[in-house]
Amino acid sequence: MKLRLGPLPAAKPVRLTVSVSVELKAALDEYAKIHADVHGQAVTAENLIPIMLQTFMANDRGFQQARRTAR
């Protein structure tokens, strides 16, 4: 099985608090379990969220274009 997210890179975290729905938390926990099974490395939803957001933003062409224009 191949997931969109590969192994997680090491990064220096900055604390950010967010609230999510119960359903989203359950889905994130399930994704974390599957990710751990696929990559053989335990991971939590809290570790996945920053990488998911980074991946989403990197693949958002509108965001990237607006970012380049703003510079």
Protein backbone atom coordinates (compact mmCIF):
# COMPACT_ATOMS: atom_id res chain seq x y z
CA MET A 1 0.00 0.00 0.00
CA LYS A 2 1.23 3.49 -0.77
CA LEU A 3 0.18 6.55 1.19
CA ARG A 4 0.50 10.12 0.03
CA LEU A 5 2.68 10.88 3.08
CA GLY A 6 6.00 9.10 3.18
CA PRO A 7 8.19 8.71 6.25
CA LEU A 8 8.13 11.81 8.42
CA PRO A 9 11.16 14.09 8.38
CA ALA A 10 12.77 15.34 11.55
CA ALA A 11 11.73 18.90 12.33
CA LYS A 12 11.91 21.40 15.17
CA PRO A 13 8.29 21.82 16.28
CA VAL A 14 6.50 25.00 17.27
CA ARG A 15 3.48 24.48 19.54
CA LEU A 16 0.13 25.34 17.92
CA THR A 17 -3.22 24.42 19.42
CA VAL A 18 -6.17 23.58 17.16
CA SER A 19 -9.58 22.06 17.71
CA VAL A 20 -10.99 19.42 15.39
CA SER A 21 -14.21 17.46 15.26
CA VAL A 22 -14.49 14.05 16.91
CA GLU A 23 -14.84 12.49 13.47
CA LEU A 24 -11.69 14.17 12.16
CA LYS A 25 -9.70 13.10 15.25
CA ALA A 26 -10.83 9.51 14.74
CA ALA A 27 -9.84 9.64 11.06
CA LEU A 28 -6.44 11.13 11.94
CA ASP A 29 -5.85 8.40 14.51
CA GLU A 30 -6.81 5.77 11.93
CA TYR A 31 -4.48 7.34 9.35
CA ALA A 32 -1.67 7.37 11.93
CA LYS A 33 -2.18 3.66 12.59
CA ILE A 34 -2.15 2.81 8.88
CA HIS A 35 0.88 5.06 8.33
CA ALA A 36 2.71 3.24 11.14
CA ASP A 37 1.80 -0.13 9.62
CA VAL A 38 3.02 0.92 6.16
CA HIS A 39 6.25 2.61 7.26
CA GLY A 40 7.06 0.54 10.34
CA GLN A 41 7.42 3.59 12.57
CA ALA A 42 4.97 4.59 15.29
CA VAL A 43 3.43 7.98 14.65
CA THR A 44 0.65 10.02 16.25
CA ALA A 45 -1.98 12.21 14.66
CA GLU A 46 -0.22 15.17 16.25
CA ASN A 47 2.94 14.28 14.31
CA LEU A 48 1.05 13.83 11.05
CA ILE A 49 -0.94 17.07 11.06
CA PRO A 50 1.98 19.44 10.32
CA ILE A 51 3.21 17.28 7.46
CA MET A 52 -0.32 16.96 6.06
CA LEU A 53 -0.73 20.74 6.15
CA GLN A 54 2.69 21.30 4.61
CA THR A 55 1.90 18.83 1.82
CA PHE A 56 -1.51 20.39 1.21
CA MET A 57 -0.05 23.90 0.99
CA ALA A 58 2.84 22.79 -1.24
CA ASN A 59 0.34 21.27 -3.69
CA ASP A 60 -2.10 24.20 -3.67
CA ARG A 61 -1.25 25.98 -6.92
CA GLY A 62 -3.41 28.99 -6.10
CA PHE A 63 -1.62 29.47 -2.79
CA GLN A 64 1.80 29.08 -4.39
CA GLN A 65 0.95 31.59 -7.11
CA ALA A 66 -0.41 34.11 -4.60
CA ARG A 67 2.69 33.64 -2.48
CA ARG A 68 5.00 34.32 -5.43
CA THR A 69 2.96 37.39 -6.40
CA ALA A 70 3.11 38.77 -2.85
CA ARG A 71 6.90 38.60 -2.85
